[in-house]
Amino acid sequence: MADKDGRKRSNIKYGMDVAIVLKEDQSTGYLTYGKVQKILTNSPTHPHGIKVRLNTGEVGRVKEIL
């Protein structure tokens, strides 16, 4: 089974279903679901989650890999 940690870039692939937190939802923790279109974080890990763009154009940090 794939590792579900959204803080590691190596776990995230294009087209994968993920739950992200948008910048404006960071205070509430509201999750937005979609497919990864682009991985925006270059470093191998990030403590708050890897930043991605969804197919919808929304950008946020990965909290869950579905």
N, C-alpha and C. Protein backbone atom coordinates (compact mmCIF):
# COMPACT_ATOMS: atom_id res chain seq x y z
N MET A 1 0.84 -1.19 0.00
CA MET A 1 0.00 0.00 0.00
C MET A 1 0.89 1.25 0.00
N ALA A 2 0.49 2.24 -0.78
CA ALA A 2 1.28 3.47 -0.90
C ALA A 2 1.26 4.25 0.41
N ASP A 3 2.36 4.94 0.66
CA ASP A 3 2.46 5.79 1.85
C ASP A 3 1.48 6.96 1.70
N LYS A 4 0.73 7.25 2.74
CA LYS A 4 -0.32 8.27 2.68
C LYS A 4 0.13 9.62 3.23
N ASP A 5 1.44 9.78 3.49
CA ASP A 5 1.95 11.02 4.08
C ASP A 5 2.07 12.11 3.02
N GLY A 6 1.24 13.16 3.13
CA GLY A 6 1.25 14.27 2.17
C GLY A 6 2.41 15.23 2.35
N ARG A 7 3.28 14.96 3.34
CA ARG A 7 4.43 15.83 3.57
C ARG A 7 5.67 15.38 2.79
N LYS A 8 5.57 14.22 2.13
CA LYS A 8 6.69 13.71 1.34
C LYS A 8 6.37 13.78 -0.14
N ARG A 9 7.20 14.51 -0.89
CA ARG A 9 6.96 14.72 -2.32
C ARG A 9 6.93 13.40 -3.09
N SER A 10 7.77 12.44 -2.67
CA SER A 10 7.87 11.16 -3.38
C SER A 10 6.57 10.35 -3.33
N ASN A 11 5.67 10.67 -2.40
CA ASN A 11 4.40 9.95 -2.27
C ASN A 11 3.34 10.47 -3.22
N ILE A 12 3.58 11.63 -3.84
CA ILE A 12 2.54 12.30 -4.63
C ILE A 12 2.87 12.17 -6.12
N LYS A 13 1.86 11.72 -6.87
CA LYS A 13 2.03 11.53 -8.31
C LYS A 13 0.93 12.30 -9.05
N TYR A 14 1.22 12.64 -10.30
CA TYR A 14 0.23 13.32 -11.13
C TYR A 14 -1.01 12.44 -11.30
N GLY A 15 -2.20 13.07 -11.25
CA GLY A 15 -3.44 12.34 -11.45
C GLY A 15 -3.97 11.64 -10.21
N MET A 16 -3.23 11.72 -9.10
CA MET A 16 -3.60 11.07 -7.86
C MET A 16 -4.74 11.84 -7.17
N ASP A 17 -5.65 11.11 -6.52
CA ASP A 17 -6.71 11.76 -5.74
C ASP A 17 -6.16 12.16 -4.39
N VAL A 18 -6.32 13.45 -4.04
CA VAL A 18 -5.81 13.97 -2.77
C VAL A 18 -6.82 14.91 -2.12
N ALA A 19 -6.60 15.20 -0.85
CA ALA A 19 -7.34 16.23 -0.12
C ALA A 19 -6.33 17.31 0.24
N ILE A 20 -6.65 18.56 -0.12
CA ILE A 20 -5.74 19.66 0.17
C ILE A 20 -6.43 20.71 1.03
N VAL A 21 -5.62 21.53 1.68
CA VAL A 21 -6.12 22.70 2.40
C VAL A 21 -5.69 23.93 1.59
N LEU A 22 -6.69 24.70 1.15
CA LEU A 22 -6.41 25.94 0.43
C LEU A 22 -5.90 26.99 1.41
N LYS A 23 -5.16 27.98 0.92
CA LYS A 23 -4.61 29.04 1.77
C LYS A 23 -5.71 29.68 2.63
N GLU A 24 -6.84 29.99 2.00
CA GLU A 24 -7.92 30.66 2.74
C GLU A 24 -8.63 29.74 3.74
N ASP A 25 -8.40 28.43 3.65
CA ASP A 25 -9.03 27.47 4.55
C ASP A 25 -8.09 26.98 5.65
N GLN A 26 -6.87 27.54 5.72
CA GLN A 26 -5.90 27.05 6.71
C GLN A 26 -6.40 27.23 8.14
N SER A 27 -7.16 28.30 8.41
CA SER A 27 -7.64 28.55 9.76
C SER A 27 -8.72 27.54 10.17
N THR A 28 -9.53 27.08 9.20
CA THR A 28 -10.61 26.15 9.51
C THR A 28 -10.20 24.69 9.29
N GLY A 29 -9.19 24.46 8.44
CA GLY A 29 -8.79 23.10 8.12
C GLY A 29 -9.72 22.42 7.13
N TYR A 30 -10.58 23.21 6.46
CA TYR A 30 -11.52 22.67 5.47
C TYR A 30 -10.75 22.03 4.31
N LEU A 31 -11.12 20.80 3.94
CA LEU A 31 -10.41 20.07 2.89
C LEU A 31 -11.13 20.19 1.55
N THR A 32 -10.33 20.32 0.50
CA THR A 32 -10.82 20.35 -0.87
C THR A 32 -10.26 19.11 -1.57
N TYR A 33 -11.12 18.38 -2.28
CA TYR A 33 -10.71 17.12 -2.90
C TYR A 33 -10.56 17.29 -4.41
N GLY A 34 -9.57 16.58 -4.97
CA GLY A 34 -9.38 16.62 -6.41
C GLY A 34 -8.19 15.80 -6.84
N LYS A 35 -7.86 15.92 -8.13
CA LYS A 35 -6.73 15.19 -8.72
C LYS A 35 -5.56 16.13 -8.91
N VAL A 36 -4.34 15.63 -8.65
CA VAL A 36 -3.13 16.43 -8.79
C VAL A 36 -2.85 16.71 -10.26
N GLN A 37 -2.76 18.00 -10.60
CA GLN A 37 -2.36 18.40 -11.95
C GLN A 37 -0.87 18.72 -12.00
N LYS A 38 -0.38 19.39 -10.95
CA LYS A 38 1.02 19.80 -10.92
C LYS A 38 1.50 19.81 -9.47
N ILE A 39 2.75 19.38 -9.27
CA ILE A 39 3.38 19.44 -7.94
C ILE A 39 4.22 20.71 -7.90
N LEU A 40 3.92 21.60 -6.96
CA LEU A 40 4.55 22.92 -6.92
C LEU A 40 5.74 23.00 -5.96
N THR A 41 5.77 22.13 -4.95
CA THR A 41 6.89 22.14 -3.99
C THR A 41 8.07 21.40 -4.60
N ASN A 42 9.25 22.02 -4.57
CA ASN A 42 10.44 21.39 -5.12
C ASN A 42 11.20 20.55 -4.10
N SER A 43 11.12 20.90 -2.81
CA SER A 43 11.88 20.17 -1.80
C SER A 43 11.26 18.78 -1.57
N PRO A 44 12.05 17.80 -1.12
CA PRO A 44 11.53 16.44 -0.95
C PRO A 44 10.46 16.31 0.14
N THR A 45 10.50 17.21 1.15
CA THR A 45 9.49 17.17 2.21
C THR A 45 9.10 18.61 2.57
N HIS A 46 7.93 18.75 3.20
CA HIS A 46 7.49 20.04 3.73
C HIS A 46 6.63 19.76 4.96
N PRO A 47 6.89 20.45 6.09
CA PRO A 47 6.18 20.12 7.34
C PRO A 47 4.67 20.32 7.29
N HIS A 48 4.17 21.20 6.40
CA HIS A 48 2.73 21.46 6.32
C HIS A 48 2.07 20.75 5.15
N GLY A 49 2.85 19.99 4.39
CA GLY A 49 2.30 19.28 3.23
C GLY A 49 2.87 19.84 1.94
N ILE A 50 2.96 18.99 0.94
CA ILE A 50 3.48 19.38 -0.37
C ILE A 50 2.42 20.22 -1.09
N LYS A 51 2.84 21.33 -1.66
CA LYS A 51 1.91 22.21 -2.37
C LYS A 51 1.68 21.68 -3.78
N VAL A 52 0.40 21.55 -4.14
CA VAL A 52 0.02 21.05 -5.47
C VAL A 52 -1.07 21.92 -6.08
N ARG A 53 -1.21 21.81 -7.41
CA ARG A 53 -2.35 22.42 -8.12
C ARG A 53 -3.25 21.28 -8.55
N LEU A 54 -4.55 21.41 -8.28
CA LEU A 54 -5.53 20.41 -8.71
C LEU A 54 -5.97 20.69 -10.14
N ASN A 55 -6.66 19.72 -10.75
CA ASN A 55 -7.18 19.89 -12.11
C ASN A 55 -8.13 21.07 -12.22
N THR A 56 -8.72 21.46 -11.09
CA THR A 56 -9.66 22.59 -11.06
C THR A 56 -8.92 23.93 -11.04
N GLY A 57 -7.59 23.88 -10.85
CA GLY A 57 -6.78 25.10 -10.77
C GLY A 57 -6.55 25.56 -9.34
N GLU A 58 -7.19 24.90 -8.36
CA GLU A 58 -7.01 25.28 -6.96
C GLU A 58 -5.64 24.83 -6.47
N VAL A 59 -5.02 25.65 -5.62
CA VAL A 59 -3.69 25.36 -5.10
C VAL A 59 -3.76 25.24 -3.59
N GLY A 60 -3.12 24.20 -3.06
CA GLY A 60 -3.08 24.02 -1.62
C GLY A 60 -2.09 22.95 -1.23
N ARG A 61 -2.01 22.69 0.07
CA ARG A 61 -1.07 21.70 0.58
C ARG A 61 -1.78 20.38 0.86
N VAL A 62 -1.14 19.29 0.47
CA VAL A 62 -1.74 17.95 0.60
C VAL A 62 -1.81 17.55 2.08
N LYS A 63 -3.02 17.24 2.53
CA LYS A 63 -3.25 16.76 3.89
C LYS A 63 -3.53 15.26 3.89
N GLU A 64 -4.16 14.75 2.83
CA GLU A 64 -4.46 13.32 2.75
C GLU A 64 -4.25 12.86 1.31
N ILE A 65 -3.72 11.64 1.21
CA ILE A 65 -3.65 10.98 -0.10
C ILE A 65 -4.73 9.91 -0.07
N LEU A 66 -5.65 9.97 -1.03
CA LEU A 66 -6.84 9.09 -1.00
C LEU A 66 -6.61 7.79 -1.77
